[in-house]
Amino acid sequence: MKEKIKARVMDSKKIKRAFNRMATEITEKNRDLNNLVIIGIRTRGVHIAKRISKLIKEYDNVEVPVGILDITLYRDDFSELEDKHIVKKTEINFSIENKDVLLVDDVLFTGRTIRAAMDSLIDLGRPKTIQLLVFIDRGHKELPIRPDYTGKSLPTSRREQVKVKLKEIDKKDEVLITEPGGIG
């Protein structure tokens, strides 16, 4: 089914500004950046995590390791949608034990993805803290999950979708609101 673009919410300039702001907030909140690790949720969360790590390196000259988390097996709808899920590899080549973990995702909707990610993290070790960075918080949470860092709060209807496009995957940076049924 085709989707209709309702609005272009952010362009590359606004996205860059939001990343810079979030990276600054992270460095201000985390006094010991050497204890910080960043874990991106596949797929776009990984690219956001890498960009944030790069900005922290530029600002504070601290190399913050980035890991990749695949939450497929932890999803609460896995059994219903098994045929649509491809399990990919979690790639975290450092310990999260007693670390300040910054969990990164592109869009926060119901909170179920974040719950699955936290379950997965706890199976890997016991972090000192888990902080949450989401690029877009679109509301409609079903679980009591609130981000520590947000690129943009974007109230939407349930019918609408938020598409975060990143140059690493989509060849350009932009955020769109779409809905089913248009020509696109």
C-alpha atoms as a PDB file:
ATOM      1  CA  MET A   1       0.000   0.000   0.000  1.00  0.00           C
ATOM      2  CA  LYS A   2       1.268   3.436  -0.914  1.00  0.00           C
ATOM      3  CA  GLU A   3       1.741   6.057   1.727  1.00  0.00           C
ATOM      4  CA  LYS A   4       1.095   9.764   1.589  1.00  0.00           C
ATOM      5  CA  ILE A   5       3.667  12.230   2.900  1.00  0.00           C
ATOM      6  CA  LYS A   6       1.779  14.585   5.206  1.00  0.00           C
ATOM      7  CA  ALA A   7       4.721  16.688   6.380  1.00  0.00           C
ATOM      8  CA  ARG A   8       8.484  17.036   6.183  1.00  0.00           C
ATOM      9  CA  VAL A   9       9.239  17.780   9.817  1.00  0.00           C
ATOM     10  CA  MET A  10      13.031  17.961   9.833  1.00  0.00           C
ATOM     11  CA  ASP A  11      15.699  18.435   7.192  1.00  0.00           C
ATOM     12  CA  SER A  12      19.425  17.674   7.490  1.00  0.00           C
ATOM     13  CA  LYS A  13      20.161  21.038   9.148  1.00  0.00           C
ATOM     14  CA  LYS A  14      17.535  20.525  11.878  1.00  0.00           C
ATOM     15  CA  ILE A  15      18.662  16.924  12.409  1.00  0.00           C
ATOM     16  CA  LYS A  16      22.288  18.007  12.825  1.00  0.00           C
ATOM     17  CA  ARG A  17      21.237  20.691  15.316  1.00  0.00           C
ATOM     18  CA  ALA A  18      19.233  18.138  17.342  1.00  0.00           C
ATOM     19  CA  PHE A  19      22.162  15.678  17.415  1.00  0.00           C
ATOM     20  CA  ASN A  20      24.518  18.444  18.580  1.00  0.00           C
ATOM     21  CA  ARG A  21      22.103  19.445  21.352  1.00  0.00           C
ATOM     22  CA  MET A  22      21.625  15.855  22.548  1.00  0.00           C
ATOM     23  CA  ALA A  23      25.381  15.171  22.543  1.00  0.00           C
ATOM     24  CA  THR A  24      25.918  18.311  24.633  1.00  0.00           C
ATOM     25  CA  GLU A  25      23.200  17.238  27.093  1.00  0.00           C
ATOM     26  CA  ILE A  26      24.797  13.793  27.392  1.00  0.00           C
ATOM     27  CA  THR A  27      28.247  15.208  28.156  1.00  0.00           C
ATOM     28  CA  GLU A  28      26.761  17.574  30.743  1.00  0.00           C
ATOM     29  CA  LYS A  29      24.795  14.828  32.518  1.00  0.00           C
ATOM     30  CA  ASN A  30      27.523  12.163  32.460  1.00  0.00           C
ATOM     31  CA  ARG A  31      30.477  13.426  34.469  1.00  0.00           C
ATOM     32  CA  ASP A  32      32.506  10.273  33.860  1.00  0.00           C
ATOM     33  CA  LEU A  33      32.376   9.830  30.094  1.00  0.00           C
ATOM     34  CA  ASN A  34      34.899   6.997  30.426  1.00  0.00           C
ATOM     35  CA  ASN A  35      32.165   4.907  32.073  1.00  0.00           C
ATOM     36  CA  LEU A  36      29.662   5.625  29.276  1.00  0.00           C
ATOM     37  CA  VAL A  37      28.855   3.136  26.534  1.00  0.00           C
ATOM     38  CA  ILE A  38      26.326   3.657  23.751  1.00  0.00           C
ATOM     39  CA  ILE A  39      24.140   0.879  22.385  1.00  0.00           C
ATOM     40  CA  GLY A  40      22.021   1.450  19.311  1.00  0.00           C
ATOM     41  CA  ILE A  41      18.922  -0.594  18.567  1.00  0.00           C
ATOM     42  CA  ARG A  42      18.955  -1.970  15.036  1.00  0.00           C
ATOM     43  CA  THR A  43      18.702  -0.386  12.518  1.00  0.00           C
ATOM     44  CA  ARG A  44      18.535   3.394  12.621  1.00  0.00           C
ATOM     45  CA  GLY A  45      19.325   3.558  16.334  1.00  0.00           C
ATOM     46  CA  VAL A  46      22.785   2.225  15.487  1.00  0.00           C
ATOM     47  CA  HIS A  47      23.544   5.071  13.083  1.00  0.00           C
ATOM     48  CA  ILE A  48      22.245   7.664  15.536  1.00  0.00           C
ATOM     49  CA  ALA A  49      24.419   6.091  18.268  1.00  0.00           C
ATOM     50  CA  LYS A  50      27.509   6.302  16.050  1.00  0.00           C
ATOM     51  CA  ARG A  51      26.850   9.948  15.263  1.00  0.00           C
ATOM     52  CA  ILE A  52      26.377  10.796  18.936  1.00  0.00           C
ATOM     53  CA  SER A  53      29.612   8.978  19.842  1.00  0.00           C
ATOM     54  CA  LYS A  54      31.471  10.904  17.137  1.00  0.00           C
ATOM     55  CA  LEU A  55      30.137  14.232  18.462  1.00  0.00           C
ATOM     56  CA  ILE A  56      31.174  13.356  22.036  1.00  0.00           C
ATOM     57  CA  LYS A  57      34.669  12.575  20.719  1.00  0.00           C
ATOM     58  CA  GLU A  58      34.752  15.983  18.983  1.00  0.00           C
ATOM     59  CA  TYR A  59      33.521  17.861  22.075  1.00  0.00           C
ATOM     60  CA  ASP A  60      35.355  16.079  24.887  1.00  0.00           C
ATOM     61  CA  ASN A  61      38.035  13.978  23.193  1.00  0.00           C
ATOM     62  CA  VAL A  62      36.619  10.798  24.768  1.00  0.00           C
ATOM     63  CA  GLU A  63      36.095   7.697  22.645  1.00  0.00           C
ATOM     64  CA  VAL A  64      32.729   6.256  23.704  1.00  0.00           C
ATOM     65  CA  PRO A  65      32.274   2.659  22.486  1.00  0.00           C
ATOM     66  CA  VAL A  66      29.191   1.852  20.415  1.00  0.00           C
ATOM     67  CA  GLY A  67      27.436  -1.504  20.362  1.00  0.00           C
ATOM     68  CA  ILE A  68      24.615  -2.871  18.235  1.00  0.00           C
ATOM     69  CA  LEU A  69      21.570  -4.493  19.823  1.00  0.00           C
ATOM     70  CA  ASP A  70      19.142  -6.757  17.999  1.00  0.00           C
ATOM     71  CA  ILE A  71      15.958  -7.177  20.035  1.00  0.00           C
ATOM     72  CA  THR A  72      14.056  -9.483  17.674  1.00  0.00           C
ATOM     73  CA  LEU A  73      13.933 -12.441  20.075  1.00  0.00           C
ATOM     74  CA  TYR A  74      12.821 -10.182  22.952  1.00  0.00           C
ATOM     75  CA  ARG A  75       9.820  -8.676  21.181  1.00  0.00           C
ATOM     76  CA  ASP A  76       6.470  -9.455  22.783  1.00  0.00           C
ATOM     77  CA  ASP A  77       4.923  -9.994  19.327  1.00  0.00           C
ATOM     78  CA  PHE A  78       7.653 -12.335  18.064  1.00  0.00           C
ATOM     79  CA  SER A  79       5.482 -15.470  18.009  1.00  0.00           C
ATOM     80  CA  GLU A  80       2.768 -13.685  16.048  1.00  0.00           C
ATOM     81  CA  LEU A  81       5.104 -12.285  13.420  1.00  0.00           C
ATOM     82  CA  GLU A  82       7.889 -14.886  13.264  1.00  0.00           C
ATOM     83  CA  ASP A  83       7.891 -15.163   9.489  1.00  0.00           C
ATOM     84  CA  LYS A  84       8.509 -11.414   9.131  1.00  0.00           C
ATOM     85  CA  HIS A  85      11.408 -11.209  11.590  1.00  0.00           C
ATOM     86  CA  ILE A  86      14.970 -11.845  10.608  1.00  0.00           C
ATOM     87  CA  VAL A  87      17.181 -12.270  13.633  1.00  0.00           C
ATOM     88  CA  LYS A  88      20.399 -10.314  13.244  1.00  0.00           C
ATOM     89  CA  LYS A  89      23.443 -10.320  15.450  1.00  0.00           C
ATOM     90  CA  THR A  90      23.909  -8.283  18.601  1.00  0.00           C
ATOM     91  CA  GLU A  91      27.410  -6.822  18.396  1.00  0.00           C
ATOM     92  CA  ILE A  92      28.621  -5.544  21.750  1.00  0.00           C
ATOM     93  CA  ASN A  93      32.348  -6.173  22.158  1.00  0.00           C
ATOM     94  CA  PHE A  94      32.627  -4.594  25.605  1.00  0.00           C
ATOM     95  CA  SER A  95      31.199  -5.279  29.025  1.00  0.00           C
ATOM     96  CA  ILE A  96      28.139  -3.357  30.153  1.00  0.00           C
ATOM     97  CA  GLU A  97      28.677  -4.473  33.748  1.00  0.00           C
ATOM     98  CA  ASN A  98      28.507  -1.402  36.029  1.00  0.00           C
ATOM     99  CA  LYS A  99      28.565   0.920  32.999  1.00  0.00           C
ATOM    100  CA  ASP A 100      26.360   3.899  32.233  1.00  0.00           C
ATOM    101  CA  VAL A 101      24.539   2.577  29.172  1.00  0.00           C
ATOM    102  CA  LEU A 102      22.999   5.009  26.717  1.00  0.00           C
ATOM    103  CA  LEU A 103      20.328   3.081  24.792  1.00  0.00           C
ATOM    104  CA  VAL A 104      19.513   4.719  21.435  1.00  0.00           C
ATOM    105  CA  ASP A 105      16.483   4.322  19.142  1.00  0.00           C
ATOM    106  CA  ASP A 106      15.069   6.398  16.337  1.00  0.00           C
ATOM    107  CA  VAL A 107      11.352   6.580  17.240  1.00  0.00           C
ATOM    108  CA  LEU A 108       9.594   6.029  20.560  1.00  0.00           C
ATOM    109  CA  PHE A 109       5.994   4.964  20.027  1.00  0.00           C
ATOM    110  CA  THR A 110       4.432   2.457  22.453  1.00  0.00           C
ATOM    111  CA  GLY A 111       7.596   1.752  24.470  1.00  0.00           C
ATOM    112  CA  ARG A 112       7.547  -1.977  23.712  1.00  0.00           C
ATOM    113  CA  THR A 113      10.781  -1.857  21.704  1.00  0.00           C
ATOM    114  CA  ILE A 114      12.558  -0.150  24.606  1.00  0.00           C
ATOM    115  CA  ARG A 115      11.193  -2.709  27.087  1.00  0.00           C
ATOM    116  CA  ALA A 116      12.518  -5.505  24.866  1.00  0.00           C
ATOM    117  CA  ALA A 117      15.879  -3.742  24.595  1.00  0.00           C
ATOM    118  CA  MET A 118      16.185  -3.388  28.364  1.00  0.00           C
ATOM    119  CA  ASP A 119      15.360  -7.092  28.821  1.00  0.00           C
ATOM    120  CA  SER A 120      18.079  -7.922  26.313  1.00  0.00           C
ATOM    121  CA  LEU A 121      20.608  -5.648  28.041  1.00  0.00           C
ATOM    122  CA  ILE A 122      19.962  -7.186  31.454  1.00  0.00           C
ATOM    123  CA  ASP A 123      20.725 -10.603  29.959  1.00  0.00           C
ATOM    124  CA  LEU A 124      24.151  -9.227  28.953  1.00  0.00           C
ATOM    125  CA  GLY A 125      25.074  -7.858  32.375  1.00  0.00           C
ATOM    126  CA  ARG A 126      24.053  -5.405  35.056  1.00  0.00           C
ATOM    127  CA  PRO A 127      24.624  -1.797  34.016  1.00  0.00           C
ATOM    128  CA  LYS A 128      25.102   0.930  36.614  1.00  0.00           C
ATOM    129  CA  THR A 129      22.450   2.991  34.790  1.00  0.00           C
ATOM    130  CA  ILE A 130      20.427   2.815  31.604  1.00  0.00           C
ATOM    131  CA  GLN A 131      19.650   6.123  29.948  1.00  0.00           C
ATOM    132  CA  LEU A 132      17.411   6.444  26.908  1.00  0.00           C
ATOM    133  CA  LEU A 133      17.941   8.611  23.853  1.00  0.00           C
ATOM    134  CA  VAL A 134      15.218   8.652  21.227  1.00  0.00           C
ATOM    135  CA  PHE A 135      15.402  10.874  18.221  1.00  0.00           C
ATOM    136  CA  ILE A 136      11.619  11.237  17.845  1.00  0.00           C
ATOM    137  CA  ASP A 137       9.111  10.797  20.680  1.00  0.00           C
ATOM    138  CA  ARG A 138       5.723  10.505  19.017  1.00  0.00           C
ATOM    139  CA  GLY A 139       3.569   9.739  22.049  1.00  0.00           C
ATOM    140  CA  HIS A 140       1.060   6.863  22.418  1.00  0.00           C
ATOM    141  CA  LYS A 141       3.117   5.062  25.057  1.00  0.00           C
ATOM    142  CA  GLU A 142       1.648   1.860  26.459  1.00  0.00           C
ATOM    143  CA  LEU A 143       4.405   1.409  29.036  1.00  0.00           C
ATOM    144  CA  PRO A 144       5.855   3.867  31.575  1.00  0.00           C
ATOM    145  CA  ILE A 145       8.954   4.674  29.541  1.00  0.00           C
ATOM    146  CA  ARG A 146      10.310   8.200  29.174  1.00  0.00           C
ATOM    147  CA  PRO A 147      13.470   9.234  27.325  1.00  0.00           C
ATOM    148  CA  ASP A 148      16.309  11.094  29.021  1.00  0.00           C
ATOM    149  CA  TYR A 149      17.264  12.748  25.723  1.00  0.00           C
ATOM    150  CA  THR A 150      14.887  13.563  22.869  1.00  0.00           C
ATOM    151  CA  GLY A 151      15.666  15.051  19.494  1.00  0.00           C
ATOM    152  CA  LYS A 152      12.078  16.137  18.931  1.00  0.00           C
ATOM    153  CA  SER A 153       8.678  15.480  20.493  1.00  0.00           C
ATOM    154  CA  LEU A 154       6.221  15.000  17.673  1.00  0.00           C
ATOM    155  CA  PRO A 155       2.601  14.314  18.625  1.00  0.00           C
ATOM    156  CA  THR A 156       0.947  12.169  15.970  1.00  0.00           C
ATOM    157  CA  SER A 157      -2.247  10.234  15.425  1.00  0.00           C
ATOM    158  CA  ARG A 158      -2.116   6.452  15.584  1.00  0.00           C
ATOM    159  CA  ARG A 159      -2.856   6.323  11.849  1.00  0.00           C
ATOM    160  CA  GLU A 160       0.216   8.387  11.032  1.00  0.00           C
ATOM    161  CA  GLN A 161       3.735   7.034  10.819  1.00  0.00           C
ATOM    162  CA  VAL A 162       7.011   8.785  11.517  1.00  0.00           C
ATOM    163  CA  LYS A 163       9.805   7.994   9.080  1.00  0.00           C
ATOM    164  CA  VAL A 164      13.321   8.865  10.169  1.00  0.00           C
ATOM    165  CA  LYS A 165      15.574   8.801   7.143  1.00  0.00           C
ATOM    166  CA  LEU A 166      19.332   8.813   7.629  1.00  0.00           C
ATOM    167  CA  LYS A 167      21.967   9.311   4.967  1.00  0.00           C
ATOM    168  CA  GLU A 168      23.767   6.101   5.990  1.00  0.00           C
ATOM    169  CA  ILE A 169      20.717   4.059   4.901  1.00  0.00           C
ATOM    170  CA  ASP A 170      18.416   6.348   2.937  1.00  0.00           C
ATOM    171  CA  LYS A 171      20.987   8.646   1.265  1.00  0.00           C
ATOM    172  CA  LYS A 172      19.524  11.732   2.983  1.00  0.00           C
ATOM    173  CA  ASP A 173      18.621  13.016   6.426  1.00  0.00           C
ATOM    174  CA  GLU A 174      14.980  13.932   7.003  1.00  0.00           C
ATOM    175  CA  VAL A 175      11.990  13.172   9.181  1.00  0.00           C
ATOM    176  CA  LEU A 176       8.592  12.668   7.576  1.00  0.00           C
ATOM    177  CA  ILE A 177       5.058  12.123   8.801  1.00  0.00           C
ATOM    178  CA  THR A 178       3.213   9.757   6.489  1.00  0.00           C
ATOM    179  CA  GLU A 179      -0.097   7.976   6.431  1.00  0.00           C
ATOM    180  CA  PRO A 180      -1.432   5.070   4.377  1.00  0.00           C
ATOM    181  CA  GLY A 181      -3.401   5.601   1.210  1.00  0.00           C
ATOM    182  CA  GLY A 182      -1.671   8.324  -0.723  1.00  0.00           C
ATOM    183  CA  ILE A 183       0.352   8.274  -3.907  1.00  0.00           C
ATOM    184  CA  GLY A 184       3.498   9.162  -1.943  1.00  0.00           C
END
